[in-house]
Amino acid sequence: MKPWITYTLIRVGIFAAVFALLYGVFAITPWLSALIAAVLGFTVSYLFFRRQRDAALASLAAKPTSAVSDEEAEG
């Protein structure tokens, strides 16, 4: 699986779990649950998933920036 997909799924999973816990169990309003889940999801993924984040960034940086070659762009 591509590294950026793995990292995205981890972040979405953290967000969904925290949101479900806050909204479902503690009955916090949806917008506040989403805000807290987003902040916690970012923090947890930043602190604990550095290897996955670096792999995702490396795979995205390795992609070519354009499908047009230099010769086609000039002429």
Protein backbone atom coordinates (compact mmCIF):
# COMPACT_ATOMS: atom_id res chain seq x y z
CA MET A 1 0.00 0.00 0.00
CA LYS A 2 1.24 3.50 -0.75
CA PRO A 3 2.68 5.30 2.27
CA TRP A 4 0.47 8.37 1.90
CA ILE A 5 -2.64 6.18 1.93
CA THR A 6 -1.47 4.46 5.11
CA TYR A 7 -0.75 7.76 6.83
CA THR A 8 -4.09 9.21 5.73
CA LEU A 9 -5.98 6.17 7.02
CA ILE A 10 -4.19 6.43 10.37
CA ARG A 11 -5.16 10.09 10.73
CA VAL A 12 -8.75 9.53 9.66
CA GLY A 13 -9.00 6.57 12.04
CA ILE A 14 -7.72 8.60 14.97
CA PHE A 15 -10.15 11.41 14.14
CA ALA A 16 -13.09 9.02 13.82
CA ALA A 17 -12.30 7.20 17.07
CA VAL A 18 -11.95 10.40 19.09
CA PHE A 19 -15.05 11.93 17.48
CA ALA A 20 -17.13 8.81 18.18
CA LEU A 21 -15.94 8.73 21.77
CA LEU A 22 -16.68 12.40 22.41
CA TYR A 23 -19.96 12.59 20.53
CA GLY A 24 -21.31 9.13 21.25
CA VAL A 25 -20.20 8.46 24.79
CA PHE A 26 -19.82 11.90 26.33
CA ALA A 27 -22.60 13.58 24.27
CA ILE A 28 -20.53 16.66 23.43
CA THR A 29 -21.95 18.81 20.61
CA PRO A 30 -20.90 17.70 17.11
CA TRP A 31 -18.91 20.81 16.19
CA LEU A 32 -16.95 20.75 19.44
CA SER A 33 -16.35 17.01 19.12
CA ALA A 34 -15.04 17.52 15.59
CA LEU A 35 -12.76 20.36 16.68
CA ILE A 36 -11.29 18.40 19.58
CA ALA A 37 -10.94 15.28 17.42
CA ALA A 38 -9.10 17.24 14.74
CA VAL A 39 -6.65 18.75 17.23
CA LEU A 40 -6.04 15.44 18.99
CA GLY A 41 -5.73 13.58 15.68
CA PHE A 42 -3.12 16.04 14.45
CA THR A 43 -1.20 15.94 17.72
CA VAL A 44 -1.15 12.16 18.03
CA SER A 45 -0.16 11.62 14.39
CA TYR A 46 2.55 14.28 14.65
CA LEU A 47 4.05 12.86 17.84
CA PHE A 48 3.76 9.12 17.25
CA PHE A 49 3.67 8.48 13.49
CA ARG A 50 6.80 10.26 12.27
CA ARG A 51 8.06 7.28 10.28
CA GLN A 52 4.79 7.01 8.33
CA ARG A 53 4.66 10.79 7.78
CA ASP A 54 8.24 10.89 6.47
CA ALA A 55 7.55 7.95 4.14
CA ALA A 56 4.40 9.65 2.82
CA LEU A 57 6.27 12.90 2.18
CA ALA A 58 9.11 11.06 0.46
CA SER A 59 6.74 9.18 -1.82
CA LEU A 60 4.93 12.38 -2.78
CA ALA A 61 8.20 14.26 -3.36
CA ALA A 62 9.47 11.50 -5.65
CA LYS A 63 6.60 11.98 -8.10
CA PRO A 64 7.30 14.05 -11.22
CA THR A 65 5.90 17.57 -11.07
CA SER A 66 4.67 17.58 -14.65
CA ALA A 67 3.82 15.06 -17.34
CA VAL A 68 5.18 17.42 -20.02
CA SER A 69 8.88 17.06 -20.82
CA ASP A 70 11.19 20.06 -21.20
CA GLU A 71 11.41 19.59 -24.96
CA GLU A 72 7.63 19.62 -25.37
CA ALA A 73 7.28 22.73 -23.23
CA GLU A 74 9.78 24.70 -25.36
CA GLY A 75 8.52 23.83 -28.74
